[in-house]
Amino acid sequence: MTALLFLGALALIAAASELFTNAVEWAGHLLHLGSGATGSLLAALGTALPETMVVVVALVGGSSDSGQIATGAVLGSSFLLLTLGGAITGVAVLTRPGARHLQAEPAQIRRDLGVFLSAFGCAVAATLLARPERVVIGVLLLLLYAGYARATLRERKADRGAPEPLHFIRWRAGPPPWSVVAAQLLIGAILLAVGSGLFVDAIHTAATSLGLSALLVAIIAVPFATELPECLNSVLWIRSGDDGLAIGNVAGASAFQACILGFIGISFTTWQLGSAGLLSAACAFATGLYLLGLLRRGRAHGGWLVVAALPWLGYLVAELALSGRPG
């Protein structure tokens, strides 16, 4: 039964990702946004919905381990997205016909990852503060994201040509109406959230049956499901030659997670990270620095992007070996 739930959720996420990426391309085209802004804001906001909902639902649920699940989801989302998301993007670059290098707007990459590193570092440092001071840091994170979004939207680029026809009305010639683009975008986002929720349930059932702690499940297992939309979207965009959209989706979503999820975590949980949380935070921060250095000029070989997966794989092995035992 769990295997069928896995497969059904994966199929739903794949279909929803195709709808979502197609609608995002048209939204960016109609707004005359560059690929970086489209991926970093429009795509990132939509595909960050599943992990945001996991954190909110965990807190609203009020179970005994809800705080641990929420904290782990906040930390694990950025960690997994930057590591596996970056690596999957690299694999997509290596396996596509033609160029084996990713090309993107360097200014946008530096902005995305710079905001992530600043916000994530502040959020982790907030563990040393009392709750009132943490709330102040949380508000500053929201303001940081607002400034980041404003700066990103102001960078309008020349039209790159129309995307492939909108799936909802593929038979219609010319640009689609905004109402249809919005409808496909909304339905795609809803299906992504539903599919990710089903995947989370399947992973949670399988992981907890092995006796893993709530925090470890939240750091490792839950983000594996909630970050699938970003990863699949990036693969689709790499295959269509939209490198800026692909890496902007990963880097922009990490900025959203550090600011928005960081605000929720430090403001509404006890924000006690423990050794597992601190180790994952250190690995995520180091990966962000690595990607910033690698992509500072907007160009990188796909093989070097694949290297980003090593911190997550090492963390997974270490935690399962040392901390994944019952009790």
Protein backbone atom coordinates (compact mmCIF):
# COMPACT_ATOMS: atom_id res chain seq x y z
CA MET A 1 0.00 0.00 0.00
CA THR A 2 2.80 2.40 0.88
CA ALA A 3 4.53 1.62 -2.43
CA LEU A 4 1.36 2.45 -4.37
CA LEU A 5 1.06 5.73 -2.46
CA PHE A 6 4.67 6.54 -3.37
CA LEU A 7 4.09 5.86 -7.07
CA GLY A 8 0.77 7.70 -7.19
CA ALA A 9 2.23 10.74 -5.46
CA LEU A 10 5.22 10.77 -7.83
CA ALA A 11 2.96 10.61 -10.88
CA LEU A 12 0.80 13.44 -9.55
CA ILE A 13 3.83 15.60 -8.76
CA ALA A 14 5.30 15.00 -12.24
CA ALA A 15 2.05 15.98 -13.98
CA ALA A 16 1.55 19.00 -11.73
CA SER A 17 5.13 20.14 -12.32
CA GLU A 18 4.56 20.14 -16.08
CA LEU A 19 1.41 22.24 -15.70
CA PHE A 20 3.09 24.59 -13.25
CA THR A 21 6.30 25.18 -15.20
CA ASN A 22 4.38 25.84 -18.41
CA ALA A 23 2.13 28.38 -16.65
CA VAL A 24 5.08 30.04 -14.91
CA GLU A 25 6.85 30.50 -18.25
CA TRP A 26 3.79 32.25 -19.65
CA ALA A 27 3.34 34.39 -16.54
CA GLY A 28 6.96 35.55 -16.78
CA HIS A 29 6.57 36.15 -20.52
CA LEU A 30 3.42 38.24 -20.10
CA LEU A 31 5.08 40.27 -17.31
CA HIS A 32 8.23 40.73 -19.46
CA LEU A 33 10.40 39.25 -16.72
CA GLY A 34 13.83 37.75 -17.30
CA SER A 35 14.34 34.05 -16.74
CA GLY A 36 16.11 34.69 -13.43
CA ALA A 37 13.25 36.71 -11.98
CA THR A 38 10.66 34.24 -13.28
CA GLY A 39 12.43 31.29 -11.68
CA SER A 40 13.55 33.04 -8.49
CA LEU A 41 10.16 34.56 -7.65
CA LEU A 42 7.22 33.14 -9.56
CA ALA A 43 8.39 29.53 -9.68
CA ALA A 44 9.98 29.58 -6.23
CA LEU A 45 6.89 30.99 -4.54
CA GLY A 46 4.65 28.33 -6.03
CA THR A 47 6.88 25.32 -5.53
CA ALA A 48 7.72 26.37 -1.96
CA LEU A 49 4.06 25.83 -1.05
CA PRO A 50 4.41 22.15 0.01
CA GLU A 51 7.19 22.70 2.55
CA THR A 52 5.44 25.81 3.88
CA MET A 53 2.26 23.81 4.39
CA VAL A 54 4.18 21.04 6.18
CA VAL A 55 5.52 23.57 8.71
CA VAL A 56 2.15 25.29 9.22
CA VAL A 57 0.18 22.05 9.50
CA ALA A 58 2.70 20.64 11.98
CA LEU A 59 2.36 23.71 14.20
CA VAL A 60 -1.43 23.88 13.96
CA GLY A 61 -1.73 20.17 14.66
CA GLY A 62 -0.28 20.66 18.13
CA SER A 63 1.02 17.11 18.58
CA SER A 64 3.78 16.39 21.08
CA ASP A 65 6.46 16.37 18.37
CA SER A 66 4.98 19.15 16.19
CA GLY A 67 7.73 21.58 17.17
CA GLN A 68 10.42 19.11 16.17
CA ILE A 69 8.72 18.37 12.85
CA ALA A 70 8.34 22.09 12.07
CA THR A 71 11.94 22.86 13.04
CA GLY A 72 13.29 19.94 11.04
CA ALA A 73 11.24 20.91 8.00
CA VAL A 74 12.58 24.48 8.13
CA LEU A 75 16.19 23.28 8.34
CA GLY A 76 15.88 20.30 6.04
CA SER A 77 14.12 22.09 3.18
CA SER A 78 17.00 24.43 2.34
CA PHE A 79 19.56 21.70 3.03
CA LEU A 80 18.04 19.20 0.65
CA LEU A 81 17.09 21.74 -2.01
CA LEU A 82 20.59 23.20 -2.32
CA THR A 83 22.31 19.81 -2.25
CA LEU A 84 20.08 17.40 -4.15
CA GLY A 85 18.32 20.16 -6.10
CA GLY A 86 21.65 21.53 -7.27
CA ALA A 87 22.93 18.03 -8.07
CA ILE A 88 19.81 17.01 -10.02
CA THR A 89 20.09 20.21 -12.01
CA GLY A 90 23.69 19.26 -12.75
CA VAL A 91 22.67 15.78 -13.89
CA ALA A 92 20.05 17.32 -16.19
CA VAL A 93 22.73 19.60 -17.67
CA LEU A 94 25.10 16.67 -18.23
CA THR A 95 22.47 14.49 -19.91
CA ARG A 96 20.95 17.04 -22.24
CA PRO A 97 22.10 17.24 -25.88
CA GLY A 98 24.70 19.92 -26.52
CA ALA A 99 26.18 22.18 -23.85
CA ARG A 100 27.36 20.61 -20.60
CA HIS A 101 27.57 23.98 -18.86
CA LEU A 102 24.78 25.82 -17.09
CA GLN A 103 24.35 29.48 -18.07
CA ALA A 104 22.44 31.98 -15.92
CA GLU A 105 22.35 35.63 -14.92
CA PRO A 106 25.23 36.07 -12.42
CA ALA A 107 23.62 39.06 -10.67
CA GLN A 108 20.46 37.09 -9.94
CA ILE A 109 22.39 34.05 -8.70
CA ARG A 110 24.46 36.22 -6.37
CA ARG A 111 21.32 37.90 -5.07
CA ASP A 112 19.43 34.65 -4.50
CA LEU A 113 22.23 32.86 -2.69
CA GLY A 114 23.37 36.01 -0.89
CA VAL A 115 19.89 36.43 0.60
CA PHE A 116 19.79 32.75 1.53
CA LEU A 117 23.15 32.86 3.30
CA SER A 118 22.29 36.09 5.16
CA ALA A 119 18.83 34.96 6.24
CA PHE A 120 19.77 31.38 7.07
CA GLY A 121 22.80 32.49 9.07
CA CYS A 122 20.68 34.93 11.09
CA ALA A 123 18.02 32.27 11.70
CA VAL A 124 20.54 29.76 13.02
CA ALA A 125 22.24 32.42 15.16
CA ALA A 126 18.82 33.25 16.64
CA THR A 127 18.99 30.00 18.62
CA LEU A 128 21.17 31.95 21.07
CA LEU A 129 18.43 34.53 21.72
CA ALA A 130 15.30 34.59 23.86
CA ARG A 131 11.94 34.44 22.09
CA PRO A 132 11.21 38.22 22.03
CA GLU A 133 14.55 38.90 20.34
CA ARG A 134 13.98 36.00 17.96
CA VAL A 135 10.68 37.50 16.84
CA VAL A 136 12.50 40.72 15.97
CA ILE A 137 14.95 38.72 13.84
CA GLY A 138 11.99 37.01 12.20
CA VAL A 139 10.42 40.32 11.21
CA LEU A 140 13.76 41.45 9.76
CA LEU A 141 13.81 38.29 7.65
CA LEU A 142 10.40 39.21 6.21
CA LEU A 143 11.65 42.69 5.39
CA LEU A 144 14.74 41.22 3.77
CA TYR A 145 12.59 39.06 1.51
CA ALA A 146 10.38 42.00 0.59
CA GLY A 147 13.43 44.00 -0.45
CA TYR A 148 14.81 41.02 -2.37
CA ALA A 149 11.52 40.55 -4.25
CA ARG A 150 11.36 44.23 -5.13
CA ALA A 151 14.93 44.27 -6.45
CA THR A 152 14.33 41.11 -8.48
CA LEU A 153 11.13 42.40 -10.08
CA ARG A 154 12.83 45.63 -11.13
CA GLU A 155 15.23 43.69 -13.35
CA ARG A 156 13.12 43.34 -16.45
CA LYS A 157 14.81 41.73 -19.42
CA ALA A 158 14.16 41.63 -23.13
CA ASP A 159 11.55 39.20 -24.41
CA ARG A 160 13.06 35.73 -24.95
CA GLY A 161 10.28 34.63 -27.27
CA ALA A 162 7.01 32.90 -26.46
CA PRO A 163 7.08 29.59 -24.56
CA GLU A 164 5.37 26.50 -25.88
CA PRO A 165 1.55 26.79 -25.99
CA LEU A 166 -0.25 26.84 -22.65
CA HIS A 167 -1.37 23.28 -21.90
CA PHE A 168 -4.94 24.23 -21.00
CA ILE A 169 -5.50 25.77 -24.44
CA ARG A 170 -2.79 24.27 -26.63
CA TRP A 171 -5.00 24.54 -29.72
CA ARG A 172 -5.33 28.34 -29.42
CA ALA A 173 -2.98 30.59 -31.40
CA GLY A 174 -1.38 33.65 -29.83
CA PRO A 175 -0.75 34.58 -26.18
CA PRO A 176 -3.23 33.01 -23.73
CA PRO A 177 -5.53 35.18 -21.56
CA TRP A 178 -4.22 36.00 -18.10
CA SER A 179 -7.23 34.28 -16.54
CA VAL A 180 -6.34 30.93 -18.12
CA VAL A 181 -2.66 31.28 -17.20
CA ALA A 182 -3.65 32.03 -13.59
CA ALA A 183 -6.06 29.08 -13.54
CA GLN A 184 -3.40 26.64 -14.78
CA LEU A 185 -0.86 28.10 -12.35
CA LEU A 186 -3.26 27.71 -9.42
CA ILE A 187 -4.32 24.19 -10.34
CA GLY A 188 -0.71 23.16 -10.85
CA ALA A 189 0.25 24.57 -7.43
CA ILE A 190 -2.68 22.82 -5.74
CA LEU A 191 -1.81 19.49 -7.35
CA LEU A 192 1.83 19.95 -6.31
CA ALA A 193 0.71 20.51 -2.72
CA VAL A 194 -1.61 17.48 -2.78
CA GLY A 195 0.99 15.22 -4.37
CA SER A 196 3.67 16.35 -1.95
CA GLY A 197 1.32 15.80 0.97
CA LEU A 198 0.68 12.22 -0.14
CA PHE A 199 4.40 11.67 -0.57
CA VAL A 200 5.07 13.06 2.90
CA ASP A 201 2.53 10.65 4.37
CA ALA A 202 4.16 7.70 2.63
CA ILE A 203 7.66 8.71 3.72
CA HIS A 204 6.56 9.46 7.28
CA THR A 205 4.89 6.05 7.57
CA ALA A 206 7.93 4.23 6.22
CA ALA A 207 10.45 6.20 8.29
CA THR A 208 8.61 6.06 11.60
CA SER A 209 8.12 2.32 11.19
CA LEU A 210 11.91 2.13 11.35
CA GLY A 211 11.91 3.93 14.71
CA LEU A 212 13.51 7.19 13.54
CA SER A 213 13.06 10.36 15.63
CA ALA A 214 10.59 13.05 14.58
CA LEU A 215 13.37 15.60 14.06
CA LEU A 216 15.42 13.24 11.92
CA VAL A 217 12.39 12.32 9.81
CA ALA A 218 11.60 16.01 9.37
CA ILE A 219 15.15 16.92 8.36
CA ILE A 220 15.70 14.01 5.97
CA ALA A 221 12.46 12.40 4.86
CA VAL A 222 9.87 15.18 4.68
CA PRO A 223 11.99 17.62 2.61
CA PHE A 224 12.76 14.79 0.20
CA ALA A 225 9.09 14.88 -0.76
CA THR A 226 8.43 18.60 -0.51
CA GLU A 227 11.44 19.54 -2.64
CA LEU A 228 10.48 17.22 -5.49
CA PRO A 229 8.52 19.98 -7.30
CA GLU A 230 11.55 22.28 -7.42
CA CYS A 231 13.79 19.45 -8.61
CA LEU A 232 11.40 18.26 -11.32
CA ASN A 233 10.74 21.81 -12.48
CA SER A 234 14.46 22.45 -12.82
CA VAL A 235 14.93 19.28 -14.87
CA LEU A 236 12.11 20.30 -17.21
CA TRP A 237 13.58 23.77 -17.70
CA ILE A 238 17.10 22.44 -18.30
CA ARG A 239 15.71 20.12 -20.96
CA SER A 240 14.03 23.07 -22.67
CA GLY A 241 17.18 25.20 -22.48
CA ASP A 242 15.93 27.61 -19.80
CA ASP A 243 18.96 27.45 -17.51
CA GLY A 244 18.11 30.71 -15.75
CA LEU A 245 14.67 29.42 -14.82
CA ALA A 246 16.11 26.12 -13.60
CA ILE A 247 18.80 27.43 -11.27
CA GLY A 248 16.67 30.44 -10.30
CA ASN A 249 13.97 28.04 -9.14
CA VAL A 250 16.44 26.28 -6.81
CA ALA A 251 18.29 29.36 -5.55
CA GLY A 252 15.17 31.52 -5.31
CA ALA A 253 13.26 28.87 -3.39
CA SER A 254 16.16 28.59 -0.93
CA ALA A 255 15.96 32.36 -0.34
CA PHE A 256 12.20 32.04 0.27
CA GLN A 257 12.72 29.18 2.69
CA ALA A 258 15.43 30.95 4.66
CA CYS A 259 13.35 34.13 5.01
CA ILE A 260 9.72 32.97 5.24
CA LEU A 261 10.14 29.53 6.79
CA GLY A 262 12.93 30.95 8.95
CA PHE A 263 10.50 33.56 10.27
CA ILE A 264 7.93 30.86 11.10
CA GLY A 265 10.50 28.63 12.76
CA ILE A 266 12.16 31.18 15.02
CA SER A 267 8.89 32.93 15.88
CA PHE A 268 6.49 30.05 16.51
CA THR A 269 8.61 27.12 17.70
CA THR A 270 11.04 26.65 20.55
CA TRP A 271 13.77 26.73 17.86
CA GLN A 272 15.96 24.19 19.62
CA LEU A 273 18.07 22.67 16.86
CA GLY A 274 20.04 20.02 18.72
CA SER A 275 23.16 18.40 17.30
CA ALA A 276 21.37 16.96 14.26
CA GLY A 277 19.80 20.32 13.42
CA LEU A 278 23.03 22.26 13.87
CA LEU A 279 24.93 19.80 11.69
CA SER A 280 22.35 20.02 8.91
CA ALA A 281 22.38 23.83 9.17
CA ALA A 282 26.17 23.90 8.87
CA CYS A 283 26.04 21.62 5.82
CA ALA A 284 23.32 23.73 4.18
CA PHE A 285 25.28 26.94 4.78
CA ALA A 286 28.48 25.38 3.39
CA THR A 287 26.61 24.17 0.30
CA GLY A 288 25.21 27.66 -0.25
CA LEU A 289 28.73 29.09 -0.10
CA TYR A 290 29.96 26.43 -2.52
CA LEU A 291 27.22 27.17 -5.06
CA LEU A 292 27.74 30.92 -4.70
CA GLY A 293 31.44 30.51 -5.47
CA LEU A 294 30.74 28.08 -8.31
CA LEU A 295 28.06 30.22 -9.99
CA ARG A 296 29.39 33.69 -9.19
CA ARG A 297 29.98 34.30 -12.93
CA GLY A 298 26.74 32.64 -14.00
CA ARG A 299 28.39 29.62 -15.62
CA ALA A 300 29.29 26.20 -14.26
CA HIS A 301 29.92 22.69 -15.58
CA GLY A 302 27.17 20.25 -14.70
CA GLY A 303 29.65 17.92 -13.02
CA TRP A 304 30.54 20.52 -10.40
CA LEU A 305 26.84 21.00 -9.63
CA VAL A 306 26.52 17.26 -9.00
CA VAL A 307 29.18 17.59 -6.27
CA ALA A 308 26.64 19.59 -4.23
CA ALA A 309 24.90 16.33 -3.30
CA LEU A 310 27.84 15.08 -1.21
CA PRO A 311 27.01 16.98 2.03
CA TRP A 312 23.45 15.62 2.08
CA LEU A 313 24.52 12.07 1.33
CA GLY A 314 27.22 12.24 4.00
CA TYR A 315 24.76 13.67 6.52
CA LEU A 316 22.21 10.97 5.72
CA VAL A 317 24.70 8.17 6.24
CA ALA A 318 26.07 9.69 9.46
CA GLU A 319 22.68 10.34 11.04
CA LEU A 320 21.21 6.97 10.13
CA ALA A 321 24.30 5.27 11.52
CA LEU A 322 24.64 7.34 14.71
CA SER A 323 21.22 8.79 15.52
CA GLY A 324 18.68 6.79 13.63
CA ARG A 325 18.27 4.06 16.22
CA PRO A 326 15.02 3.81 18.22
CA GLY A 327 15.00 5.87 21.40
